[in-house]
Amino acid sequence: MNSSDYIILGLAAAVLGYVVYRQKTAIVADPNINKRAPYNVQEIQVDPEAANGWKYYTDGTAIGPDGKYYYQGVQVYDPNGMYGQVAQVA
């Protein structure tokens, strides 16, 4: 190995060390990261008669009786297709 190989290896080690350092600080910097994880979402229990088939969740998601998903009042999913209509094949 010549000196340029050692320089390249040294730079690669420095970059790897920096990446590992940044990953550790990113994890330590946000101690509440698990509190916002999607698996902590729970269904809000509502009287079935008052809900009229709707389901509500603690993250702001609601599912209508027709299967459409809403997130904070905005429709984000329609089981009939991306734009609310079934694709027609000619």
PDB file of N, CA and C in Angstrom:
ATOM      1  N   MET A   1       0.842  -1.180   0.000  1.00  0.00           N
ATOM      2  CA  MET A   1       0.000   0.000   0.000  1.00  0.00           C
ATOM      3  C   MET A   1       0.887   1.244   0.000  1.00  0.00           C
ATOM      4  N   ASN A   2       0.512   2.183  -0.824  1.00  0.00           N
ATOM      5  CA  ASN A   2       1.267   3.428  -0.857  1.00  0.00           C
ATOM      6  C   ASN A   2       0.552   4.485  -0.016  1.00  0.00           C
ATOM      7  N   SER A   3       1.100   5.657   0.053  1.00  0.00           N
ATOM      8  CA  SER A   3       0.573   6.702   0.938  1.00  0.00           C
ATOM      9  C   SER A   3      -0.811   7.174   0.528  1.00  0.00           C
ATOM     10  N   SER A   4      -1.143   7.171  -0.762  1.00  0.00           N
ATOM     11  CA  SER A   4      -2.483   7.600  -1.179  1.00  0.00           C
ATOM     12  C   SER A   4      -3.558   6.614  -0.695  1.00  0.00           C
ATOM     13  N   ASP A   5      -3.218   5.330  -0.610  1.00  0.00           N
ATOM     14  CA  ASP A   5      -4.163   4.345  -0.070  1.00  0.00           C
ATOM     15  C   ASP A   5      -4.459   4.625   1.396  1.00  0.00           C
ATOM     16  N   TYR A   6      -3.425   4.979   2.148  1.00  0.00           N
ATOM     17  CA  TYR A   6      -3.613   5.295   3.565  1.00  0.00           C
ATOM     18  C   TYR A   6      -4.456   6.558   3.749  1.00  0.00           C
ATOM     19  N   ILE A   7      -4.277   7.505   2.869  1.00  0.00           N
ATOM     20  CA  ILE A   7      -5.065   8.746   2.939  1.00  0.00           C
ATOM     21  C   ILE A   7      -6.540   8.437   2.670  1.00  0.00           C
ATOM     22  N   ILE A   8      -6.809   7.628   1.667  1.00  0.00           N
ATOM     23  CA  ILE A   8      -8.194   7.261   1.339  1.00  0.00           C
ATOM     24  C   ILE A   8      -8.824   6.487   2.491  1.00  0.00           C
ATOM     25  N   LEU A   9      -8.087   5.534   3.071  1.00  0.00           N
ATOM     26  CA  LEU A   9      -8.600   4.776   4.211  1.00  0.00           C
ATOM     27  C   LEU A   9      -8.864   5.688   5.407  1.00  0.00           C
ATOM     28  N   GLY A  10      -7.979   6.632   5.639  1.00  0.00           N
ATOM     29  CA  GLY A  10      -8.167   7.575   6.739  1.00  0.00           C
ATOM     30  C   GLY A  10      -9.393   8.444   6.549  1.00  0.00           C
ATOM     31  N   LEU A  11      -9.605   8.926   5.332  1.00  0.00           N
ATOM     32  CA  LEU A  11     -10.793   9.734   5.052  1.00  0.00           C
ATOM     33  C   LEU A  11     -12.072   8.903   5.193  1.00  0.00           C
ATOM     34  N   ALA A  12     -12.020   7.665   4.720  1.00  0.00           N
ATOM     35  CA  ALA A  12     -13.192   6.792   4.849  1.00  0.00           C
ATOM     36  C   ALA A  12     -13.513   6.530   6.315  1.00  0.00           C
ATOM     37  N   ALA A  13     -12.494   6.308   7.130  1.00  0.00           N
ATOM     38  CA  ALA A  13     -12.702   6.087   8.561  1.00  0.00           C
ATOM     39  C   ALA A  13     -13.263   7.332   9.230  1.00  0.00           C
ATOM     40  N   ALA A  14     -12.787   8.504   8.823  1.00  0.00           N
ATOM     41  CA  ALA A  14     -13.293   9.751   9.395  1.00  0.00           C
ATOM     42  C   ALA A  14     -14.759   9.959   9.043  1.00  0.00           C
ATOM     43  N   VAL A  15     -15.135   9.691   7.805  1.00  0.00           N
ATOM     44  CA  VAL A  15     -16.531   9.837   7.389  1.00  0.00           C
ATOM     45  C   VAL A  15     -17.415   8.850   8.149  1.00  0.00           C
ATOM     46  N   LEU A  16     -16.979   7.613   8.259  1.00  0.00           N
ATOM     47  CA  LEU A  16     -17.744   6.608   8.994  1.00  0.00           C
ATOM     48  C   LEU A  16     -17.900   7.008  10.457  1.00  0.00           C
ATOM     49  N   GLY A  17     -16.833   7.492  11.067  1.00  0.00           N
ATOM     50  CA  GLY A  17     -16.911   7.952  12.450  1.00  0.00           C
ATOM     51  C   GLY A  17     -17.884   9.100  12.613  1.00  0.00           C
ATOM     52  N   TYR A  18     -17.890  10.021  11.671  1.00  0.00           N
ATOM     53  CA  TYR A  18     -18.812  11.155  11.727  1.00  0.00           C
ATOM     54  C   TYR A  18     -20.261  10.689  11.598  1.00  0.00           C
ATOM     55  N   VAL A  19     -20.520   9.764  10.684  1.00  0.00           N
ATOM     56  CA  VAL A  19     -21.883   9.253  10.491  1.00  0.00           C
ATOM     57  C   VAL A  19     -22.372   8.556  11.753  1.00  0.00           C
ATOM     58  N   VAL A  20     -21.523   7.731  12.361  1.00  0.00           N
ATOM     59  CA  VAL A  20     -21.907   7.043  13.598  1.00  0.00           C
ATOM     60  C   VAL A  20     -22.168   8.060  14.706  1.00  0.00           C
ATOM     61  N   TYR A  21     -21.325   9.071  14.818  1.00  0.00           N
ATOM     62  CA  TYR A  21     -21.520  10.112  15.819  1.00  0.00           C
ATOM     63  C   TYR A  21     -22.849  10.836  15.620  1.00  0.00           C
ATOM     64  N   ARG A  22     -23.188  11.179  14.379  1.00  0.00           N
ATOM     65  CA  ARG A  22     -24.437  11.891  14.099  1.00  0.00           C
ATOM     66  C   ARG A  22     -25.656  11.023  14.404  1.00  0.00           C
ATOM     67  N   GLN A  23     -25.562   9.738  14.145  1.00  0.00           N
ATOM     68  CA  GLN A  23     -26.671   8.839  14.442  1.00  0.00           C
ATOM     69  C   GLN A  23     -26.918   8.765  15.950  1.00  0.00           C
ATOM     70  N   LYS A  24     -25.870   8.696  16.724  1.00  0.00           N
ATOM     71  CA  LYS A  24     -26.020   8.634  18.181  1.00  0.00           C
ATOM     72  C   LYS A  24     -26.626   9.916  18.717  1.00  0.00           C
ATOM     73  N   THR A  25     -26.193  11.067  18.229  1.00  0.00           N
ATOM     74  CA  THR A  25     -26.738  12.329  18.732  1.00  0.00           C
ATOM     75  C   THR A  25     -28.174  12.519  18.289  1.00  0.00           C
ATOM     76  N   ALA A  26     -28.556  12.004  17.122  1.00  0.00           N
ATOM     77  CA  ALA A  26     -29.946  12.131  16.672  1.00  0.00           C
ATOM     78  C   ALA A  26     -30.873  11.328  17.574  1.00  0.00           C
ATOM     79  N   ILE A  27     -30.430  10.163  18.016  1.00  0.00           N
ATOM     80  CA  ILE A  27     -31.252   9.334  18.894  1.00  0.00           C
ATOM     81  C   ILE A  27     -31.340   9.962  20.281  1.00  0.00           C
ATOM     82  N   VAL A  28     -30.231  10.454  20.798  1.00  0.00           N
ATOM     83  CA  VAL A  28     -30.208  11.043  22.122  1.00  0.00           C
ATOM     84  C   VAL A  28     -30.951  12.377  22.146  1.00  0.00           C
ATOM     85  N   ALA A  29     -30.961  13.100  21.045  1.00  0.00           N
ATOM     86  CA  ALA A  29     -31.551  14.432  21.009  1.00  0.00           C
ATOM     87  C   ALA A  29     -33.072  14.412  21.147  1.00  0.00           C
ATOM     88  N   ASP A  30     -33.746  13.293  20.871  1.00  0.00           N
ATOM     89  CA  ASP A  30     -35.201  13.247  20.933  1.00  0.00           C
ATOM     90  C   ASP A  30     -35.660  12.109  21.841  1.00  0.00           C
ATOM     91  N   PRO A  31     -35.745  12.354  23.152  1.00  0.00           N
ATOM     92  CA  PRO A  31     -36.127  11.286  24.071  1.00  0.00           C
ATOM     93  C   PRO A  31     -37.593  10.878  23.951  1.00  0.00           C
ATOM     94  N   ASN A  32     -38.431  11.689  23.306  1.00  0.00           N
ATOM     95  CA  ASN A  32     -39.863  11.399  23.190  1.00  0.00           C
ATOM     96  C   ASN A  32     -40.226  10.739  21.869  1.00  0.00           C
ATOM     97  N   ILE A  33     -39.257  10.192  21.160  1.00  0.00           N
ATOM     98  CA  ILE A  33     -39.519   9.669  19.824  1.00  0.00           C
ATOM     99  C   ILE A  33     -40.551   8.542  19.856  1.00  0.00           C
ATOM    100  N   ASN A  34     -40.563   7.706  20.876  1.00  0.00           N
ATOM    101  CA  ASN A  34     -41.516   6.604  20.941  1.00  0.00           C
ATOM    102  C   ASN A  34     -42.932   7.076  21.238  1.00  0.00           C
ATOM    103  N   LYS A  35     -43.102   8.250  21.788  1.00  0.00           N
ATOM    104  CA  LYS A  35     -44.437   8.754  22.089  1.00  0.00           C
ATOM    105  C   LYS A  35     -45.188   9.152  20.830  1.00  0.00           C
ATOM    106  N   ARG A  36     -44.465   9.393  19.723  1.00  0.00           N
ATOM    107  CA  ARG A  36     -45.109   9.787  18.479  1.00  0.00           C
ATOM    108  C   ARG A  36     -45.176   8.656  17.476  1.00  0.00           C
ATOM    109  N   ALA A  37     -44.717   7.475  17.855  1.00  0.00           N
ATOM    110  CA  ALA A  37     -44.697   6.351  16.922  1.00  0.00           C
ATOM    111  C   ALA A  37     -46.123   5.907  16.595  1.00  0.00           C
ATOM    112  N   PRO A  38     -46.390   5.510  15.362  1.00  0.00           N
ATOM    113  CA  PRO A  38     -47.746   5.163  14.956  1.00  0.00           C
ATOM    114  C   PRO A  38     -48.325   3.968  15.697  1.00  0.00           C
ATOM    115  N   TYR A  39     -47.492   3.097  16.248  1.00  0.00           N
ATOM    116  CA  TYR A  39     -48.035   1.947  16.946  1.00  0.00           C
ATOM    117  C   TYR A  39     -48.605   2.301  18.314  1.00  0.00           C
ATOM    118  N   ASN A  40     -48.459   3.539  18.759  1.00  0.00           N
ATOM    119  CA  ASN A  40     -49.073   3.975  20.011  1.00  0.00           C
ATOM    120  C   ASN A  40     -50.463   4.558  19.797  1.00  0.00           C
ATOM    121  N   VAL A  41     -50.963   4.525  18.590  1.00  0.00           N
ATOM    122  CA  VAL A  41     -52.292   5.065  18.289  1.00  0.00           C
ATOM    123  C   VAL A  41     -53.346   4.107  18.821  1.00  0.00           C
ATOM    124  N   GLN A  42     -54.373   4.674  19.424  1.00  0.00           N
ATOM    125  CA  GLN A  42     -55.439   3.852  19.976  1.00  0.00           C
ATOM    126  C   GLN A  42     -56.779   4.332  19.452  1.00  0.00           C
ATOM    127  N   GLU A  43     -57.705   3.402  19.363  1.00  0.00           N
ATOM    128  CA  GLU A  43     -59.055   3.751  18.933  1.00  0.00           C
ATOM    129  C   GLU A  43     -59.782   4.440  20.077  1.00  0.00           C
ATOM    130  N   ILE A  44     -60.483   5.511  19.752  1.00  0.00           N
ATOM    131  CA  ILE A  44     -61.284   6.218  20.745  1.00  0.00           C
ATOM    132  C   ILE A  44     -62.645   5.536  20.800  1.00  0.00           C
ATOM    133  N   GLN A  45     -63.030   5.113  21.981  1.00  0.00           N
ATOM    134  CA  GLN A  45     -64.302   4.417  22.149  1.00  0.00           C
ATOM    135  C   GLN A  45     -65.452   5.433  22.142  1.00  0.00           C
ATOM    136  N   VAL A  46     -66.335   5.270  21.193  1.00  0.00           N
ATOM    137  CA  VAL A  46     -67.490   6.156  21.032  1.00  0.00           C
ATOM    138  C   VAL A  46     -68.742   5.284  21.053  1.00  0.00           C
ATOM    139  N   ASP A  47     -69.823   5.816  21.579  1.00  0.00           N
ATOM    140  CA  ASP A  47     -71.090   5.092  21.583  1.00  0.00           C
ATOM    141  C   ASP A  47     -71.429   4.685  20.146  1.00  0.00           C
ATOM    142  N   PRO A  48     -71.594   3.385  19.867  1.00  0.00           N
ATOM    143  CA  PRO A  48     -71.827   2.936  18.486  1.00  0.00           C
ATOM    144  C   PRO A  48     -73.028   3.607  17.819  1.00  0.00           C
ATOM    145  N   GLU A  49     -74.058   3.891  18.579  1.00  0.00           N
ATOM    146  CA  GLU A  49     -75.237   4.530  18.002  1.00  0.00           C
ATOM    147  C   GLU A  49     -74.946   5.972  17.590  1.00  0.00           C
ATOM    148  N   ALA A  50     -74.152   6.666  18.387  1.00  0.00           N
ATOM    149  CA  ALA A  50     -73.808   8.061  18.079  1.00  0.00           C
ATOM    150  C   ALA A  50     -72.764   8.151  16.968  1.00  0.00           C
ATOM    151  N   ALA A  51     -71.920   7.138  16.832  1.00  0.00           N
ATOM    152  CA  ALA A  51     -70.836   7.178  15.848  1.00  0.00           C
ATOM    153  C   ALA A  51     -71.317   6.909  14.432  1.00  0.00           C
ATOM    154  N   ASN A  52     -72.461   6.270  14.266  1.00  0.00           N
ATOM    155  CA  ASN A  52     -73.006   5.961  12.930  1.00  0.00           C
ATOM    156  C   ASN A  52     -72.015   5.212  12.044  1.00  0.00           C
ATOM    157  N   GLY A  53     -71.248   4.275  12.622  1.00  0.00           N
ATOM    158  CA  GLY A  53     -70.323   3.481  11.832  1.00  0.00           C
ATOM    159  C   GLY A  53     -68.930   4.060  11.689  1.00  0.00           C
ATOM    160  N   TRP A  54     -68.692   5.238  12.222  1.00  0.00           N
ATOM    161  CA  TRP A  54     -67.369   5.857  12.147  1.00  0.00           C
ATOM    162  C   TRP A  54     -66.476   5.317  13.252  1.00  0.00           C
ATOM    163  N   LYS A  55     -65.155   5.274  12.978  1.00  0.00           N
ATOM    164  CA  LYS A  55     -64.156   4.930  13.982  1.00  0.00           C
ATOM    165  C   LYS A  55     -63.188   6.087  14.079  1.00  0.00           C
ATOM    166  N   TYR A  56     -62.812   6.426  15.304  1.00  0.00           N
ATOM    167  CA  TYR A  56     -61.916   7.553  15.550  1.00  0.00           C
ATOM    168  C   TYR A  56     -60.679   7.077  16.297  1.00  0.00           C
ATOM    169  N   TYR A  57     -59.516   7.698  15.978  1.00  0.00           N
ATOM    170  CA  TYR A  57     -58.252   7.311  16.588  1.00  0.00           C
ATOM    171  C   TYR A  57     -57.560   8.523  17.185  1.00  0.00           C
ATOM    172  N   THR A  58     -56.662   8.255  18.145  1.00  0.00           N
ATOM    173  CA  THR A  58     -56.023   9.325  18.908  1.00  0.00           C
ATOM    174  C   THR A  58     -55.067  10.194  18.095  1.00  0.00           C
ATOM    175  N   ASP A  59     -54.660   9.763  16.913  1.00  0.00           N
ATOM    176  CA  ASP A  59     -53.748  10.575  16.099  1.00  0.00           C
ATOM    177  C   ASP A  59     -54.484  11.493  15.129  1.00  0.00           C
ATOM    178  N   GLY A  60     -55.807  11.523  15.183  1.00  0.00           N
ATOM    179  CA  GLY A  60     -56.576  12.380  14.287  1.00  0.00           C
ATOM    180  C   GLY A  60     -57.124  11.653  13.087  1.00  0.00           C
ATOM    181  N   THR A  61     -56.970  10.345  13.030  1.00  0.00           N
ATOM    182  CA  THR A  61     -57.494   9.551  11.924  1.00  0.00           C
ATOM    183  C   THR A  61     -58.939   9.166  12.210  1.00  0.00           C
ATOM    184  N   ALA A  62     -59.746   9.170  11.167  1.00  0.00           N
ATOM    185  CA  ALA A  62     -61.133   8.702  11.258  1.00  0.00           C
ATOM    186  C   ALA A  62     -61.415   7.826  10.039  1.00  0.00           C
ATOM    187  N   ILE A  63     -62.186   6.773  10.253  1.00  0.00           N
ATOM    188  CA  ILE A  63     -62.568   5.881   9.166  1.00  0.00           C
ATOM    189  C   ILE A  63     -64.088   5.906   9.077  1.00  0.00           C
ATOM    190  N   GLY A  64     -64.589   6.285   7.905  1.00  0.00           N
ATOM    191  CA  GLY A  64     -66.027   6.382   7.694  1.00  0.00           C
ATOM    192  C   GLY A  64     -66.661   5.023   7.476  1.00  0.00           C
ATOM    193  N   PRO A  65     -67.981   4.965   7.541  1.00  0.00           N
ATOM    194  CA  PRO A  65     -68.685   3.698   7.328  1.00  0.00           C
ATOM    195  C   PRO A  65     -68.499   3.161   5.906  1.00  0.00           C
ATOM    196  N   ASP A  66     -68.116   4.016   4.975  1.00  0.00           N
ATOM    197  CA  ASP A  66     -67.871   3.591   3.592  1.00  0.00           C
ATOM    198  C   ASP A  66     -66.427   3.138   3.374  1.00  0.00           C
ATOM    199  N   GLY A  67     -65.602   3.146   4.432  1.00  0.00           N
ATOM    200  CA  GLY A  67     -64.222   2.681   4.339  1.00  0.00           C
ATOM    201  C   GLY A  67     -63.216   3.753   3.970  1.00  0.00           C
ATOM    202  N   LYS A  68     -63.652   4.989   3.789  1.00  0.00           N
ATOM    203  CA  LYS A  68     -62.722   6.078   3.462  1.00  0.00           C
ATOM    204  C   LYS A  68     -61.993   6.517   4.723  1.00  0.00           C
ATOM    205  N   TYR A  69     -60.689   6.767   4.566  1.00  0.00           N
ATOM    206  CA  TYR A  69     -59.859   7.203   5.680  1.00  0.00           C
ATOM    207  C   TYR A  69     -59.666   8.712   5.592  1.00  0.00           C
ATOM    208  N   TYR A  70     -59.758   9.360   6.751  1.00  0.00           N
ATOM    209  CA  TYR A  70     -59.531  10.793   6.856  1.00  0.00           C
ATOM    210  C   TYR A  70     -58.473  11.022   7.928  1.00  0.00           C
ATOM    211  N   TYR A  71     -57.555  11.936   7.639  1.00  0.00           N
ATOM    212  CA  TYR A  71     -56.558  12.322   8.625  1.00  0.00           C
ATOM    213  C   TYR A  71     -56.699  13.812   8.876  1.00  0.00           C
ATOM    214  N   GLN A  72     -57.088  14.157  10.073  1.00  0.00           N
ATOM    215  CA  GLN A  72     -57.318  15.538  10.494  1.00  0.00           C
ATOM    216  C   GLN A  72     -58.253  16.252   9.525  1.00  0.00           C
ATOM    217  N   GLY A  73     -59.315  15.558   9.117  1.00  0.00           N
ATOM    218  CA  GLY A  73     -60.354  16.147   8.284  1.00  0.00           C
ATOM    219  C   GLY A  73     -60.123  16.060   6.790  1.00  0.00           C
ATOM    220  N   VAL A  74     -58.966  15.579   6.346  1.00  0.00           N
ATOM    221  CA  VAL A  74     -58.649  15.500   4.925  1.00  0.00           C
ATOM    222  C   VAL A  74     -58.676  14.029   4.495  1.00  0.00           C
ATOM    223  N   GLN A  75     -59.389  13.735   3.415  1.00  0.00           N
ATOM    224  CA  GLN A  75     -59.450  12.361   2.939  1.00  0.00           C
ATOM    225  C   GLN A  75     -58.081  11.927   2.425  1.00  0.00           C
ATOM    226  N   VAL A  76     -57.609  10.780   2.922  1.00  0.00           N
ATOM    227  CA  VAL A  76     -56.293  10.287   2.528  1.00  0.00           C
ATOM    228  C   VAL A  76     -56.354   8.912   1.858  1.00  0.00           C
ATOM    229  N   TYR A  77     -57.501   8.233   1.921  1.00  0.00           N
ATOM    230  CA  TYR A  77     -57.608   6.911   1.297  1.00  0.00           C
ATOM    231  C   TYR A  77     -59.058   6.639   0.946  1.00  0.00           C
ATOM    232  N   ASP A  78     -59.258   6.074  -0.232  1.00  0.00           N
ATOM    233  CA  ASP A  78     -60.580   5.662  -0.673  1.00  0.00           C
ATOM    234  C   ASP A  78     -60.462   4.234  -1.184  1.00  0.00           C
ATOM    235  N   PRO A  79     -61.230   3.293  -0.615  1.00  0.00           N
ATOM    236  CA  PRO A  79     -61.106   1.899  -1.059  1.00  0.00           C
ATOM    237  C   PRO A  79     -61.562   1.673  -2.501  1.00  0.00           C
ATOM    238  N   ASN A  80     -62.271   2.626  -3.083  1.00  0.00           N
ATOM    239  CA  ASN A  80     -62.731   2.495  -4.467  1.00  0.00           C
ATOM    240  C   ASN A  80     -61.690   2.925  -5.481  1.00  0.00           C
ATOM    241  N   GLY A  81     -60.605   3.456  -5.045  1.00  0.00           N
ATOM    242  CA  GLY A  81     -59.562   3.912  -5.954  1.00  0.00           C
ATOM    243  C   GLY A  81     -58.939   5.188  -5.447  1.00  0.00           C
ATOM    244  N   MET A  82     -57.856   5.565  -6.071  1.00  0.00           N
ATOM    245  CA  MET A  82     -57.105   6.716  -5.599  1.00  0.00           C
ATOM    246  C   MET A  82     -57.931   8.003  -5.620  1.00  0.00           C
ATOM    247  N   TYR A  83     -58.790   8.155  -6.595  1.00  0.00           N
ATOM    248  CA  TYR A  83     -59.576   9.385  -6.710  1.00  0.00           C
ATOM    249  C   TYR A  83     -61.048   9.160  -6.447  1.00  0.00           C
ATOM    250  N   GLY A  84     -61.365   8.079  -5.735  1.00  0.00           N
ATOM    251  CA  GLY A  84     -62.743   7.834  -5.350  1.00  0.00           C
ATOM    252  C   GLY A  84     -63.582   7.136  -6.413  1.00  0.00           C
ATOM    253  N   GLN A  85     -62.984   6.704  -7.494  1.00  0.00           N
ATOM    254  CA  GLN A  85     -63.719   6.038  -8.548  1.00  0.00           C
ATOM    255  C   GLN A  85     -62.991   4.758  -8.940  1.00  0.00           C
ATOM    256  N   VAL A  86     -63.765   3.755  -9.261  1.00  0.00           N
ATOM    257  CA  VAL A  86     -63.176   2.512  -9.717  1.00  0.00           C
ATOM    258  C   VAL A  86     -62.692   2.696 -11.143  1.00  0.00           C
ATOM    259  N   ALA A  87     -61.478   2.253 -11.425  1.00  0.00           N
ATOM    260  CA  ALA A  87     -60.925   2.382 -12.786  1.00  0.00           C
ATOM    261  C   ALA A  87     -61.732   1.529 -13.764  1.00  0.00           C
ATOM    262  N   GLN A  88     -62.067   2.096 -14.879  1.00  0.00           N
ATOM    263  CA  GLN A  88     -62.828   1.393 -15.895  1.00  0.00           C
ATOM    264  C   GLN A  88     -61.874   0.911 -16.982  1.00  0.00           C
ATOM    265  N   VAL A  89     -61.958  -0.373 -17.304  1.00  0.00           N
ATOM    266  CA  VAL A  89     -61.130  -0.953 -18.351  1.00  0.00           C
ATOM    267  C   VAL A  89     -61.964  -1.024 -19.623  1.00  0.00           C
ATOM    268  N   ALA A  90     -61.426  -0.473 -20.700  1.00  0.00           N
ATOM    269  CA  ALA A  90     -62.187  -0.433 -21.972  1.00  0.00           C
ATOM    270  C   ALA A  90     -62.146  -1.748 -22.687  1.00  0.00           C
TER     271      ALA A  90
END
